[in-house]
């Protein structure tokens, strides 16, 4: 099942889904994809400060979109859309 379908189904179960949410859900899916693409390059060690900034911006947009869709951290866990708890290269760079 796609991220989009998971989010829609979850919102429908809570009777919180509106057709107008589709725009936010599409942006959420795109920004999750974009964030993963930036993260791949960062993990490879091929990145610039701009890449780190872009990753940070997309990650913040994802968080903001989750909030707009009223998806709490607990809800994201139910959808299996959570931030990895395992440290990765980006975590090591930023810490």
Protein backbone atom coordinates (compact mmCIF):
# COMPACT_ATOMS: atom_id res chain seq x y z
CA UNK A 1 0.00 0.00 0.00
CA UNK A 2 1.34 3.44 -0.88
CA UNK A 3 1.98 6.18 1.66
CA UNK A 4 -0.86 8.17 0.11
CA UNK A 5 -3.33 5.30 0.53
CA UNK A 6 -2.16 4.63 4.09
CA UNK A 7 -2.73 8.24 5.08
CA UNK A 8 -6.13 8.45 3.36
CA UNK A 9 -7.31 5.17 4.91
CA UNK A 10 -6.14 6.25 8.33
CA UNK A 11 -7.88 9.61 8.08
CA UNK A 12 -11.05 7.94 6.78
CA UNK A 13 -11.08 5.56 9.75
CA UNK A 14 -10.94 8.58 12.05
CA UNK A 15 -13.62 10.30 9.96
CA UNK A 16 -11.13 13.12 9.41
CA UNK A 17 -10.50 12.78 5.67
CA UNK A 18 -11.70 15.51 3.33
CA UNK A 19 -11.16 15.52 -0.41
CA UNK A 20 -9.36 18.83 0.01
CA UNK A 21 -6.69 16.93 1.99
CA UNK A 22 -5.48 15.37 -1.26
CA UNK A 23 -3.30 18.38 -2.05
CA UNK A 24 -1.59 18.16 1.34
CA UNK A 25 -1.22 14.40 1.02
CA UNK A 26 0.35 14.73 -2.44
CA UNK A 27 2.80 17.30 -1.06
CA UNK A 28 3.54 15.03 1.88
CA UNK A 29 4.33 12.09 -0.40
CA UNK A 30 6.51 14.25 -2.66
CA UNK A 31 8.43 15.77 0.24
CA UNK A 32 9.01 12.36 1.83
CA UNK A 33 10.44 11.16 -1.49
CA UNK A 34 12.54 14.31 -1.90
CA UNK A 35 13.85 14.05 1.65
CA UNK A 36 14.88 10.43 1.02
CA UNK A 37 16.69 11.45 -2.18
CA UNK A 38 18.69 14.15 -0.38
CA UNK A 39 19.45 11.71 2.41
CA UNK A 40 20.81 9.11 -0.05
CA UNK A 41 23.38 11.60 -1.36
CA UNK A 42 24.29 12.68 2.16
CA UNK A 43 24.79 9.05 3.22
CA UNK A 44 27.09 8.51 0.23
CA UNK A 45 29.19 11.39 1.49
CA UNK A 46 28.53 13.39 -1.69
CA UNK A 47 26.92 16.58 -0.44
CA UNK A 48 27.28 20.30 0.01
CA UNK A 49 25.99 22.65 2.67
CA UNK A 50 23.14 23.40 0.28
CA UNK A 51 22.23 19.68 0.20
CA UNK A 52 22.07 19.64 4.00
CA UNK A 53 19.89 22.76 3.94
CA UNK A 54 17.59 21.23 1.33
CA UNK A 55 17.27 18.02 3.34
CA UNK A 56 16.48 20.04 6.45
CA UNK A 57 13.85 22.10 4.62
CA UNK A 58 12.10 19.05 3.15
CA UNK A 59 12.12 17.29 6.49
CA UNK A 60 10.56 20.36 8.14
CA UNK A 61 7.91 20.47 5.39
CA UNK A 62 7.09 16.80 6.02
CA UNK A 63 6.67 17.53 9.73
CA UNK A 64 4.54 20.59 8.96
CA UNK A 65 2.33 18.62 6.56
CA UNK A 66 1.82 15.88 9.15
CA UNK A 67 0.65 18.59 11.54
CA UNK A 68 -1.67 20.12 8.93
CA UNK A 69 -3.22 16.68 8.42
CA UNK A 70 -3.56 16.33 12.22
CA UNK A 71 -1.27 13.30 12.35
CA UNK A 72 0.43 13.10 15.72
CA UNK A 73 3.67 11.19 16.31
CA UNK A 74 1.56 8.31 17.65
CA UNK A 75 -0.51 8.36 14.45
CA UNK A 76 2.63 8.29 12.33
CA UNK A 77 3.81 5.24 14.27
CA UNK A 78 0.56 3.49 13.44
CA UNK A 79 1.15 4.31 9.77
CA UNK A 80 4.79 3.23 10.12
CA UNK A 81 5.82 6.71 8.99
CA UNK A 82 8.33 7.52 11.66
CA UNK A 83 11.80 8.92 11.78
CA UNK A 84 14.46 6.25 12.08
CA UNK A 85 15.70 5.86 15.62
CA UNK A 86 19.02 4.49 14.36
CA UNK A 87 21.79 7.05 13.94
CA UNK A 88 22.94 7.56 10.38
CA UNK A 89 25.58 9.69 8.64
CA UNK A 90 23.41 12.82 8.80
CA UNK A 91 22.92 12.38 12.54
CA UNK A 92 26.67 12.04 12.96
CA UNK A 93 27.30 15.19 10.90
CA UNK A 94 24.75 17.28 12.76
CA UNK A 95 25.79 16.12 16.25
